[in-house]
Amino acid sequence: MKPRWHAILAEFGLPYRFSKETIQNAEAISDKITETDVSNRRDFRDIPTFTIDPEDAKDFDDALSLQKLPDGNWEVGVHIADVTHYVKPGSLPDVEARERATSVYLVDRTVPMLPERLSNNICSLRPNEDKLCFSAVFKLNDKAEIVNEWFGRTIIKSDRRFSYPEAQKSLIQEQGI
């Protein structure tokens, strides 16, 4: 008897494998970040940054940064892995990702939108690795009102990966509850 996830994949027509050619194409994508890449981006590598994901997550595609500014305001950055830097329009990974539209999370597995080398490595915002992102950065006053906003390409280095329970525990400790 096939596992239940086979029935779910079949019922919804979800692909669970990438073509050999797509995997080969993904394997050929360079993971090197050049000086030109860095010079064309706002650098957040020295700003406290972290991810928050389920305990069993393998891909970390978003991160938060937070810092108190000298003027007393706060800067909050929301960083999303810049997949477009690596996956070019019309490439096999792009075509297959468009067909899939999203990753699908089942109880015992993930059906990823991108091959593992991209989703779990190159485009995963793992701690202590320089990563290219697209970011939304907000300057907030002490009343949490937006004073300024900026959107653009960045480079980050996540300091820590939090699971949801770890993040919740940290917030509770911070509030003294």
Protein backbone atom coordinates (compact mmCIF):
# COMPACT_ATOMS: atom_id res chain seq x y z
CA MET A 1 0.00 0.00 0.00
CA LYS A 2 1.33 3.45 -0.92
CA PRO A 3 1.69 6.03 1.83
CA ARG A 4 -1.10 8.60 2.22
CA TRP A 5 1.07 11.37 0.78
CA HIS A 6 1.04 9.56 -2.58
CA ALA A 7 -2.76 9.91 -2.61
CA ILE A 8 -2.54 13.62 -1.81
CA LEU A 9 0.05 14.18 -4.54
CA ALA A 10 -2.08 12.27 -7.04
CA GLU A 11 -5.36 13.93 -6.02
CA PHE A 12 -3.96 17.42 -6.52
CA GLY A 13 -1.59 16.61 -9.38
CA LEU A 14 1.46 17.70 -7.40
CA PRO A 15 4.86 16.88 -8.87
CA TYR A 16 7.21 15.28 -6.37
CA ARG A 17 10.34 15.07 -8.51
CA PHE A 18 12.24 17.52 -10.68
CA SER A 19 13.38 16.53 -14.13
CA LYS A 20 16.99 15.40 -14.44
CA GLU A 21 17.68 18.43 -16.64
CA THR A 22 16.24 20.85 -14.08
CA ILE A 23 18.39 19.36 -11.33
CA GLN A 24 21.48 19.55 -13.55
CA ASN A 25 20.66 23.18 -14.37
CA ALA A 26 20.29 24.01 -10.67
CA GLU A 27 23.56 22.24 -9.86
CA ALA A 28 25.35 24.44 -12.42
CA ILE A 29 24.21 27.71 -10.78
CA SER A 30 27.11 29.40 -9.00
CA ASP A 31 26.68 30.15 -5.31
CA LYS A 32 29.54 32.69 -5.32
CA ILE A 33 28.79 36.24 -4.22
CA THR A 34 31.04 38.68 -6.03
CA GLU A 35 32.29 42.11 -4.98
CA THR A 36 30.05 43.56 -7.68
CA ASP A 37 27.06 41.77 -6.13
CA VAL A 38 27.92 43.30 -2.75
CA SER A 39 28.60 46.81 -4.10
CA ASN A 40 25.15 46.93 -5.74
CA ARG A 41 23.33 46.16 -2.48
CA ARG A 42 22.70 47.69 0.92
CA ASP A 43 24.85 45.81 3.44
CA PHE A 44 23.07 44.44 6.53
CA ARG A 45 25.71 41.89 7.54
CA ASP A 46 26.61 43.75 10.74
CA ILE A 47 22.99 44.27 11.85
CA PRO A 48 21.41 41.69 14.20
CA THR A 49 19.39 39.39 11.93
CA PHE A 50 17.52 36.13 12.54
CA THR A 51 15.06 33.68 11.04
CA ILE A 52 12.00 32.17 12.72
CA ASP A 53 10.70 28.90 11.27
CA PRO A 54 9.20 25.57 12.33
CA GLU A 55 11.59 23.28 14.20
CA ASP A 56 11.84 20.88 11.25
CA ALA A 57 12.27 23.53 8.54
CA LYS A 58 15.07 23.03 6.02
CA ASP A 59 14.69 26.18 3.97
CA PHE A 60 14.89 29.61 5.56
CA ASP A 61 13.70 32.09 2.97
CA ASP A 62 12.88 35.08 5.17
CA ALA A 63 14.63 36.88 8.00
CA LEU A 64 14.19 39.87 10.28
CA SER A 65 16.75 42.45 11.35
CA LEU A 66 16.38 44.93 14.18
CA GLN A 67 18.50 47.76 15.46
CA LYS A 68 18.10 50.85 17.62
CA LEU A 69 19.28 53.90 15.68
CA PRO A 70 21.32 56.79 17.13
CA ASP A 71 18.30 59.11 16.73
CA GLY A 72 16.25 56.89 19.06
CA ASN A 73 14.17 55.30 16.32
CA TRP A 74 14.16 51.62 15.38
CA GLU A 75 15.05 50.06 12.05
CA VAL A 76 13.23 46.84 11.18
CA GLY A 77 14.22 44.91 8.07
CA VAL A 78 12.20 42.14 6.46
CA HIS A 79 14.51 40.17 4.19
CA ILE A 80 13.46 37.63 1.55
CA ALA A 81 15.97 35.45 -0.28
CA ASP A 82 16.70 36.97 -3.70
CA VAL A 83 15.94 33.90 -5.80
CA THR A 84 15.88 36.06 -8.94
CA HIS A 85 19.63 36.61 -8.63
CA TYR A 86 20.17 32.90 -9.23
CA VAL A 87 17.12 31.69 -11.17
CA LYS A 88 16.96 33.47 -14.50
CA PRO A 89 13.69 33.94 -16.43
CA GLY A 90 13.08 31.07 -18.84
CA SER A 91 15.63 28.74 -17.22
CA LEU A 92 14.50 25.21 -16.39
CA PRO A 93 14.28 25.91 -12.63
CA ASP A 94 12.21 29.04 -13.41
CA VAL A 95 9.83 27.19 -15.73
CA GLU A 96 9.32 24.37 -13.26
CA ALA A 97 8.91 26.78 -10.32
CA ARG A 98 6.21 28.67 -12.24
CA GLU A 99 4.37 25.41 -12.92
CA ARG A 100 4.51 24.49 -9.22
CA ALA A 101 3.67 28.05 -8.06
CA THR A 102 4.58 27.30 -4.43
CA SER A 103 6.09 24.74 -2.11
CA VAL A 104 3.58 22.34 -0.57
CA TYR A 105 4.03 21.20 3.02
CA LEU A 106 2.60 17.80 3.92
CA VAL A 107 2.78 16.15 7.32
CA ASP A 108 5.84 14.08 6.53
CA ARG A 109 7.46 15.90 3.60
CA THR A 110 7.76 19.04 1.54
CA VAL A 111 7.14 19.27 -2.19
CA PRO A 112 9.47 22.18 -2.98
CA MET A 113 8.98 24.81 -5.64
CA LEU A 114 12.72 24.82 -6.40
CA PRO A 115 15.33 22.05 -6.47
CA GLU A 116 17.00 21.35 -3.13
CA ARG A 117 20.31 23.01 -4.04
CA LEU A 118 18.43 26.28 -4.45
CA SER A 119 15.73 26.02 -1.78
CA ASN A 120 17.83 24.50 1.02
CA ASN A 121 21.26 25.86 0.20
CA ILE A 122 21.92 28.80 -2.12
CA CYS A 123 18.67 30.66 -1.37
CA SER A 124 18.32 29.54 2.24
CA LEU A 125 19.13 32.24 4.80
CA ARG A 126 21.12 29.91 7.02
CA PRO A 127 23.02 31.41 9.97
CA ASN A 128 26.55 32.73 9.53
CA GLU A 129 26.42 32.77 5.72
CA ASP A 130 26.33 35.83 3.47
CA LYS A 131 23.07 35.79 1.50
CA LEU A 132 21.55 37.99 -1.17
CA CYS A 133 18.07 39.29 -0.40
CA PHE A 134 15.34 41.67 -1.39
CA SER A 135 14.30 43.69 1.62
CA ALA A 136 11.69 46.02 3.03
CA VAL A 137 13.23 48.27 5.69
CA PHE A 138 11.19 50.44 7.99
CA LYS A 139 12.29 53.18 10.36
CA LEU A 140 9.87 53.30 13.31
CA ASN A 141 9.52 55.74 16.16
CA ASP A 142 8.82 54.61 19.75
CA LYS A 143 5.09 54.59 18.98
CA ALA A 144 5.74 52.07 16.17
CA GLU A 145 4.77 54.65 13.56
CA ILE A 146 6.61 54.39 10.24
CA VAL A 147 8.92 57.36 9.85
CA ASN A 148 10.63 56.13 6.68
CA GLU A 149 10.67 53.08 4.41
CA TRP A 150 13.10 51.65 1.89
CA PHE A 151 12.81 48.70 -0.50
CA GLY A 152 15.70 47.17 -2.38
CA ARG A 153 18.42 44.59 -2.80
CA THR A 154 20.55 43.73 0.22
CA ILE A 155 23.14 41.34 1.55
CA ILE A 156 22.62 39.88 5.02
CA LYS A 157 24.21 37.41 7.40
CA SER A 158 21.70 35.78 9.74
CA ASP A 159 23.01 35.53 13.29
CA ARG A 160 20.58 32.95 14.54
CA ARG A 161 17.88 30.53 13.51
CA PHE A 162 14.97 30.51 15.94
CA SER A 163 12.26 27.89 15.97
CA TYR A 164 8.77 29.17 16.79
CA PRO A 165 8.92 27.82 20.37
CA GLU A 166 12.37 29.41 20.91
CA ALA A 167 11.13 32.77 19.62
CA GLN A 168 8.03 32.57 21.83
CA LYS A 169 10.18 31.73 24.87
CA SER A 170 12.49 34.68 24.14
CA LEU A 171 9.54 37.06 23.87
CA ILE A 172 8.05 35.79 27.10
CA GLN A 173 11.40 36.18 28.90
CA GLU A 174 11.82 39.69 27.47
CA GLN A 175 8.38 40.66 28.81
CA GLY A 176 9.20 39.17 32.21
CA ILE A 177 6.20 36.84 32.10
